[in-house]
Amino acid sequence: MAVAASTPKAARPGRELSLEARQARLALKLLLPTIAVLVIVAFYPLARTFTSSFTDEPFAQPDTPVNQVGLANYQRLLSFQLLLFPEEMSLRDVLPEPVNGSRYQRVQNIDLFGTRYVLVATDPDFITSVFNTIIFTFFSVTLELSLGLLVAMVVNARFRGRGLMRAIMLIPWAIPTAISTVLWRHMLGDNSSGALNAILLQLGLIQQSQAWRASYPLFSVVFVDVWKTIPFMSLLLLAGLQTIPGDLYEAASVDGATPIQRFFRITLPLLMPTIVIALIFRTLDALRAFDVFQVLLGRSTPSMAVYNYEKLVSSFQFGYASAVGVIIFILIFAFTVLYMSAFGVEED
């Protein structure tokens, strides 16, 4: 009897393993169409970009011969130095030797503790676009996360008209970026006809009209992007807030925890996976921002994506633009890994 009773227990793991194997095969079969589409739509263009980045291939000129240039495109893009620039010397005296025929040019003068330095690069416009993109990404994502969390906690509370409030807050996100940026370009007009200048003049906060886009280009683009994207961030964080059980807050209240303590001990730790996902999404979007820069600022203050577009469409340098695209891809991948490592996101 003991042997007969133990037989089903010994066979059960085999049946479970077989069931798991069948489920895995079924999942793979269901995913095959999606994998095929990804290979055609995503992998091939990515591989094409990588291979083209090592050539001097022109854009839209199929009859032009293509030559392999190795790492020349990357050397030109990434060759920059910070040099000591004494007052008694000229820029020509401190410039390094050219790299593959590309001469160093000034990017910006920098004063550190009374000592003057100069940042030089073989492609100063690209280095400037990298700085513009990183500054834009840092401030826009930080403000969107902070304000988005505040909005999410407000609309997560119980009050009359909560559903209407949630619908209204999505209006900026529903407007296409190009259209909303055109509207803000007129509102940030340089004279008193611009809505922002008119409002600030009426309130007495400024004495004369400001040229916002010309004098404060990065501030302007961050402001427009934050206004546009806060609803998206709020929606993601609201979904995370609604997964936190209300019993935890009730128990903490009974134990005498203050609202601030409940936020840092309950809300923030349990919301961290959602915050990381929201940060990754928004950082990816910000690092490849194109439309808001192009429509609002044009070529005056380019992002990396705008610079990539200019090299491809205006300069017809497909190989060089491909190298820019690869650098953008690597930068985005690095930020994603950094987020995942810094916040300790693990699979459940």
Protein backbone atom coordinates (compact mmCIF):
# COMPACT_ATOMS: atom_id res chain seq x y z
CA MET A 1 0.00 0.00 0.00
CA ALA A 2 2.85 2.37 0.78
CA VAL A 3 4.42 1.76 -2.65
CA ALA A 4 1.10 2.28 -4.47
CA ALA A 5 0.43 5.49 -2.59
CA SER A 6 3.87 6.94 -3.42
CA THR A 7 3.65 6.27 -7.19
CA PRO A 8 1.41 9.28 -8.08
CA LYS A 9 3.71 11.59 -6.10
CA ALA A 10 6.74 10.40 -8.07
CA ALA A 11 4.99 10.90 -11.44
CA ARG A 12 3.63 14.39 -10.69
CA PRO A 13 6.88 16.33 -11.33
CA GLY A 14 7.18 14.67 -14.76
CA ARG A 15 3.66 15.71 -15.72
CA GLU A 16 4.29 19.29 -14.52
CA LEU A 17 7.54 19.47 -16.53
CA SER A 18 5.78 18.18 -19.61
CA LEU A 19 3.01 20.72 -19.19
CA GLU A 20 5.55 23.54 -18.80
CA ALA A 21 7.36 22.37 -21.93
CA ARG A 22 4.11 22.34 -23.91
CA GLN A 23 3.25 25.83 -22.68
CA ALA A 24 6.72 27.09 -23.62
CA ARG A 25 6.42 25.65 -27.13
CA LEU A 26 2.96 27.19 -27.53
CA ALA A 27 4.25 30.58 -26.36
CA LEU A 28 7.12 30.35 -28.85
CA LYS A 29 4.74 29.53 -31.71
CA LEU A 30 2.52 32.48 -30.78
CA LEU A 31 5.55 34.78 -30.65
CA LEU A 32 7.03 33.72 -33.98
CA PRO A 33 4.96 36.17 -36.08
CA THR A 34 5.94 39.04 -33.76
CA ILE A 35 9.61 38.00 -33.86
CA ALA A 36 9.49 37.86 -37.67
CA VAL A 37 8.00 41.35 -37.85
CA LEU A 38 10.63 42.69 -35.43
CA VAL A 39 13.44 41.18 -37.50
CA ILE A 40 12.11 42.79 -40.68
CA VAL A 41 11.07 46.14 -39.20
CA ALA A 42 13.68 46.70 -36.47
CA PHE A 43 16.68 44.38 -36.75
CA TYR A 44 17.46 44.86 -40.44
CA PRO A 45 17.42 48.71 -40.31
CA LEU A 46 19.55 48.60 -37.15
CA ALA A 47 22.07 46.24 -38.74
CA ARG A 48 22.07 48.38 -41.89
CA THR A 49 22.82 51.46 -39.81
CA PHE A 50 25.71 49.74 -38.03
CA THR A 51 27.32 48.55 -41.25
CA SER A 52 26.84 51.90 -43.02
CA SER A 53 28.49 53.78 -40.15
CA PHE A 54 31.86 52.38 -41.28
CA THR A 55 31.49 53.75 -44.81
CA ASP A 56 31.31 57.07 -46.63
CA GLU A 57 28.03 56.11 -48.29
CA PRO A 58 26.05 59.13 -49.54
CA PHE A 59 22.30 59.49 -49.16
CA ALA A 60 19.97 59.02 -52.15
CA GLN A 61 22.87 58.60 -54.60
CA PRO A 62 22.83 54.90 -55.59
CA ASP A 63 25.37 55.28 -58.42
CA THR A 64 28.07 56.77 -56.18
CA PRO A 65 30.79 54.29 -55.13
CA VAL A 66 30.88 53.44 -51.42
CA ASN A 67 34.21 53.15 -49.61
CA GLN A 68 35.02 51.54 -46.27
CA VAL A 69 36.44 54.16 -43.89
CA GLY A 70 36.71 52.06 -40.73
CA LEU A 71 36.38 54.13 -37.57
CA ALA A 72 36.97 57.47 -39.29
CA ASN A 73 33.37 58.62 -38.80
CA TYR A 74 33.48 57.81 -35.09
CA GLN A 75 36.90 59.42 -34.67
CA ARG A 76 35.62 62.65 -36.19
CA LEU A 77 32.47 62.60 -34.06
CA LEU A 78 34.11 61.74 -30.74
CA SER A 79 37.45 63.56 -30.97
CA PHE A 80 37.30 66.35 -28.39
CA GLN A 81 39.70 67.72 -25.79
CA LEU A 82 39.64 70.15 -22.88
CA LEU A 83 42.76 72.29 -23.18
CA LEU A 84 44.40 74.92 -20.99
CA PHE A 85 43.91 78.27 -22.77
CA PRO A 86 46.11 81.00 -21.25
CA GLU A 87 45.09 84.61 -21.83
CA GLU A 88 48.33 85.47 -23.67
CA MET A 89 47.91 82.67 -26.23
CA SER A 90 45.66 82.44 -29.27
CA LEU A 91 43.42 79.51 -30.07
CA ARG A 92 45.69 78.45 -32.92
CA ASP A 93 48.57 77.99 -30.46
CA VAL A 94 46.74 75.40 -28.34
CA LEU A 95 44.85 73.41 -30.99
CA PRO A 96 45.99 69.77 -31.37
CA GLU A 97 46.96 68.18 -34.66
CA PRO A 98 44.10 67.30 -37.04
CA VAL A 99 42.51 63.84 -36.88
CA ASN A 100 42.18 62.13 -40.27
CA GLY A 101 42.27 65.51 -41.95
CA SER A 102 39.62 67.02 -39.63
CA ARG A 103 40.83 70.10 -37.76
CA TYR A 104 39.88 70.86 -34.17
CA GLN A 105 37.53 73.78 -33.62
CA ARG A 106 36.36 75.66 -30.56
CA VAL A 107 33.20 74.39 -28.86
CA GLN A 108 33.16 76.62 -25.78
CA ASN A 109 35.45 78.53 -23.42
CA ILE A 110 35.28 77.35 -19.81
CA ASP A 111 36.53 79.21 -16.72
CA LEU A 112 37.34 76.98 -13.74
CA PHE A 113 38.64 78.56 -10.52
CA GLY A 114 40.14 81.50 -12.38
CA THR A 115 41.81 79.37 -15.04
CA ARG A 116 40.60 79.49 -18.62
CA TYR A 117 40.12 76.32 -20.62
CA VAL A 118 38.76 75.70 -24.08
CA LEU A 119 36.75 72.69 -25.24
CA VAL A 120 37.67 71.80 -28.81
CA ALA A 121 36.37 69.08 -31.12
CA THR A 122 36.69 67.96 -34.71
CA ASP A 123 32.89 68.17 -34.98
CA PRO A 124 31.85 70.95 -32.57
CA ASP A 125 28.23 70.91 -33.73
CA PHE A 126 27.83 67.26 -32.70
CA ILE A 127 29.40 67.84 -29.27
CA THR A 128 27.08 70.82 -28.79
CA SER A 129 24.08 68.69 -29.76
CA VAL A 130 25.13 66.03 -27.23
CA PHE A 131 25.31 68.64 -24.44
CA ASN A 132 21.95 70.09 -25.50
CA THR A 133 20.33 66.65 -25.47
CA ILE A 134 21.74 65.61 -22.09
CA ILE A 135 20.79 68.91 -20.43
CA PHE A 136 17.31 68.71 -21.96
CA THR A 137 16.91 65.08 -20.87
CA PHE A 138 18.01 65.71 -17.29
CA PHE A 139 15.77 68.70 -16.60
CA SER A 140 12.74 67.54 -18.56
CA VAL A 141 12.68 64.02 -17.11
CA THR A 142 13.33 65.29 -13.57
CA LEU A 143 10.52 67.85 -13.75
CA GLU A 144 8.14 65.42 -15.43
CA LEU A 145 8.75 62.79 -12.78
CA SER A 146 8.32 65.22 -9.87
CA LEU A 147 5.24 67.00 -11.23
CA GLY A 148 3.81 63.80 -12.69
CA LEU A 149 3.99 62.06 -9.32
CA LEU A 150 2.28 65.04 -7.69
CA VAL A 151 -0.53 65.03 -10.27
CA ALA A 152 -0.89 61.24 -10.02
CA MET A 153 -1.30 61.38 -6.24
CA VAL A 154 -3.89 64.16 -6.56
CA VAL A 155 -6.04 62.32 -9.12
CA ASN A 156 -5.63 59.07 -7.17
CA ALA A 157 -7.42 60.59 -4.19
CA ARG A 158 -11.17 60.25 -3.85
CA PHE A 159 -13.07 63.42 -4.74
CA ARG A 160 -16.06 64.41 -6.83
CA GLY A 161 -15.23 64.84 -10.49
CA ARG A 162 -12.13 62.65 -10.35
CA GLY A 163 -12.96 60.94 -13.65
CA LEU A 164 -13.44 64.27 -15.43
CA MET A 165 -10.17 65.53 -13.98
CA ARG A 166 -8.33 62.48 -15.32
CA ALA A 167 -9.80 63.01 -18.77
CA ILE A 168 -8.94 66.72 -18.85
CA MET A 169 -5.33 66.18 -17.80
CA LEU A 170 -4.74 63.99 -20.87
CA ILE A 171 -5.54 66.82 -23.32
CA PRO A 172 -1.91 68.05 -23.67
CA TRP A 173 -0.73 64.50 -24.31
CA ALA A 174 -3.48 63.92 -26.90
CA ILE A 175 -2.36 66.90 -29.01
CA PRO A 176 0.32 65.90 -31.57
CA THR A 177 3.74 67.18 -30.56
CA ALA A 178 4.29 69.16 -33.75
CA ILE A 179 0.97 70.98 -33.36
CA SER A 180 1.44 71.77 -29.68
CA THR A 181 4.98 72.98 -30.35
CA VAL A 182 3.76 75.33 -33.10
CA LEU A 183 1.21 76.76 -30.64
CA TRP A 184 3.90 77.29 -28.03
CA ARG A 185 6.22 78.86 -30.61
CA HIS A 186 3.64 81.60 -31.10
CA MET A 187 2.97 81.86 -27.37
CA LEU A 188 6.70 82.31 -26.74
CA GLY A 189 6.85 85.14 -29.28
CA ASP A 190 9.60 87.72 -28.83
CA ASN A 191 7.27 90.73 -28.55
CA SER A 192 4.19 91.54 -26.49
CA SER A 193 2.01 89.63 -28.96
CA GLY A 194 3.37 86.44 -27.45
CA ALA A 195 0.99 85.16 -24.78
CA LEU A 196 3.70 84.49 -22.20
CA ASN A 197 5.21 87.96 -22.53
CA ALA A 198 1.76 89.57 -22.41
CA ILE A 199 0.82 87.71 -19.22
CA LEU A 200 4.09 88.44 -17.46
CA LEU A 201 3.95 92.11 -18.46
CA GLN A 202 0.41 92.43 -17.12
CA LEU A 203 1.47 90.82 -13.83
CA GLY A 204 4.49 93.09 -13.60
CA LEU A 205 6.91 90.16 -13.40
CA ILE A 206 9.00 91.46 -16.31
CA GLN A 207 9.66 95.02 -17.44
CA GLN A 208 10.00 94.32 -21.17
CA SER A 209 9.28 91.50 -23.61
CA GLN A 210 11.77 88.65 -23.58
CA ALA A 211 13.09 86.72 -26.57
CA TRP A 212 12.49 83.37 -24.87
CA ARG A 213 13.46 81.07 -27.74
CA ALA A 214 16.57 83.08 -28.65
CA SER A 215 17.81 83.95 -25.15
CA TYR A 216 16.69 80.81 -23.28
CA PRO A 217 16.44 78.07 -25.91
CA LEU A 218 16.88 75.04 -23.65
CA PHE A 219 14.55 76.51 -21.02
CA SER A 220 11.91 77.01 -23.72
CA VAL A 221 12.15 73.48 -25.10
CA VAL A 222 12.15 71.94 -21.60
CA PHE A 223 9.08 74.00 -20.67
CA VAL A 224 7.16 72.90 -23.76
CA ASP A 225 8.14 69.25 -23.36
CA VAL A 226 7.21 69.19 -19.66
CA TRP A 227 3.79 70.70 -20.40
CA LYS A 228 3.25 68.11 -23.11
CA THR A 229 4.47 65.01 -21.29
CA ILE A 230 3.36 65.41 -17.65
CA PRO A 231 0.01 63.67 -18.42
CA PHE A 232 1.81 60.61 -19.80
CA MET A 233 4.05 60.38 -16.74
CA SER A 234 1.06 60.91 -14.44
CA LEU A 235 -0.89 58.13 -16.17
CA LEU A 236 1.94 55.63 -15.71
CA LEU A 237 2.42 56.55 -12.07
CA LEU A 238 -1.34 56.52 -11.43
CA ALA A 239 -1.48 52.93 -12.66
CA GLY A 240 1.27 52.04 -10.19
CA LEU A 241 -0.45 53.86 -7.31
CA GLN A 242 -3.66 51.92 -7.86
CA THR A 243 -1.85 48.61 -7.36
CA ILE A 244 -0.84 49.55 -3.79
CA PRO A 245 -3.31 48.01 -1.30
CA GLY A 246 -5.22 50.55 0.76
CA ASP A 247 -4.91 48.31 3.83
CA LEU A 248 -1.24 49.28 4.12
CA TYR A 249 -2.13 52.96 4.50
CA GLU A 250 -4.87 52.16 7.03
CA ALA A 251 -2.48 50.06 9.12
CA ALA A 252 0.17 52.78 8.97
CA SER A 253 -2.39 55.39 10.07
CA VAL A 254 -3.39 53.24 13.01
CA ASP A 255 0.29 52.97 13.99
CA GLY A 256 0.53 56.78 13.95
CA ALA A 257 2.50 57.26 10.72
CA THR A 258 2.33 60.77 9.27
CA PRO A 259 1.48 61.34 5.57
CA ILE A 260 5.15 62.03 4.85
CA GLN A 261 6.19 58.81 6.56
CA ARG A 262 3.54 56.87 4.64
CA PHE A 263 4.83 58.34 1.39
CA PHE A 264 8.50 57.43 2.00
CA ARG A 265 7.85 54.08 3.73
CA ILE A 266 4.95 52.74 1.62
CA THR A 267 4.23 54.70 -1.54
CA LEU A 268 7.75 55.32 -2.82
CA PRO A 269 9.18 51.79 -2.27
CA LEU A 270 6.15 50.04 -3.77
CA LEU A 271 5.98 52.53 -6.65
CA MET A 272 9.68 52.19 -7.51
CA PRO A 273 9.26 49.58 -10.31
CA THR A 274 6.70 51.83 -12.01
CA ILE A 275 8.96 54.85 -11.55
CA VAL A 276 11.84 53.01 -13.20
CA ILE A 277 9.66 52.02 -16.17
CA ALA A 278 8.42 55.60 -16.51
CA LEU A 279 11.99 56.93 -16.30
CA ILE A 280 13.17 54.52 -18.98
CA PHE A 281 10.30 55.43 -21.33
CA ARG A 282 10.77 59.16 -20.90
CA THR A 283 14.57 59.03 -21.06
CA LEU A 284 14.40 57.08 -24.32
CA ASP A 285 12.02 59.67 -25.75
CA ALA A 286 14.06 62.63 -24.51
CA LEU A 287 17.39 61.35 -25.80
CA ARG A 288 15.96 60.99 -29.29
CA ALA A 289 13.83 64.15 -29.17
CA PHE A 290 13.45 65.63 -32.63
CA ASP A 291 10.12 67.31 -33.31
CA VAL A 292 10.02 69.66 -30.33
CA PHE A 293 13.59 70.87 -31.06
CA GLN A 294 13.07 71.14 -34.80
CA VAL A 295 9.76 73.01 -34.65
CA LEU A 296 10.58 75.29 -31.71
CA LEU A 297 14.26 76.09 -32.27
CA GLY A 298 15.16 74.89 -35.76
CA ARG A 299 18.90 74.70 -36.38
CA SER A 300 19.87 77.24 -33.72
CA THR A 301 19.98 74.74 -30.83
CA PRO A 302 19.99 71.20 -32.25
CA SER A 303 19.51 67.94 -30.43
CA MET A 304 21.34 64.79 -31.47
CA ALA A 305 18.33 63.67 -33.51
CA VAL A 306 18.11 67.05 -35.27
CA TYR A 307 21.84 66.93 -36.01
CA ASN A 308 21.42 63.41 -37.37
CA TYR A 309 18.60 64.62 -39.62
CA GLU A 310 20.66 67.54 -40.89
CA LYS A 311 23.61 65.32 -41.78
CA LEU A 312 21.35 62.85 -43.58
CA VAL A 313 18.91 65.11 -45.43
CA SER A 314 20.81 68.37 -45.82
CA SER A 315 24.38 67.11 -46.19
CA PHE A 316 23.53 63.73 -47.83
CA GLN A 317 26.04 61.92 -45.62
CA PHE A 318 24.36 58.59 -44.95
CA GLY A 319 27.45 56.89 -43.54
CA TYR A 320 28.24 59.77 -41.19
CA ALA A 321 24.60 60.08 -40.11
CA SER A 322 24.55 56.33 -39.44
CA ALA A 323 27.47 56.77 -37.04
CA VAL A 324 25.50 59.48 -35.23
CA GLY A 325 22.53 57.09 -35.01
CA VAL A 326 24.72 54.35 -33.56
CA ILE A 327 26.03 56.72 -30.89
CA ILE A 328 22.46 57.71 -29.99
CA PHE A 329 21.55 54.01 -29.73
CA ILE A 330 24.54 53.27 -27.47
CA LEU A 331 23.75 56.27 -25.27
CA ILE A 332 20.12 55.19 -24.89
CA PHE A 333 21.19 51.62 -24.07
CA ALA A 334 23.67 52.89 -21.48
CA PHE A 335 21.01 54.99 -19.75
CA THR A 336 18.65 52.01 -19.67
CA VAL A 337 21.28 49.76 -18.06
CA LEU A 338 22.14 52.55 -15.61
CA TYR A 339 18.52 52.86 -14.49
CA MET A 340 18.11 49.12 -14.11
CA SER A 341 21.32 48.82 -12.08
CA ALA A 342 20.90 51.95 -9.97
CA PHE A 343 17.35 51.12 -8.86
CA GLY A 344 17.97 47.41 -8.48
CA VAL A 345 15.10 46.29 -10.70
CA GLU A 346 14.83 42.50 -10.68
CA GLU A 347 12.47 40.01 -12.24
CA ASP A 348 9.88 38.54 -9.93
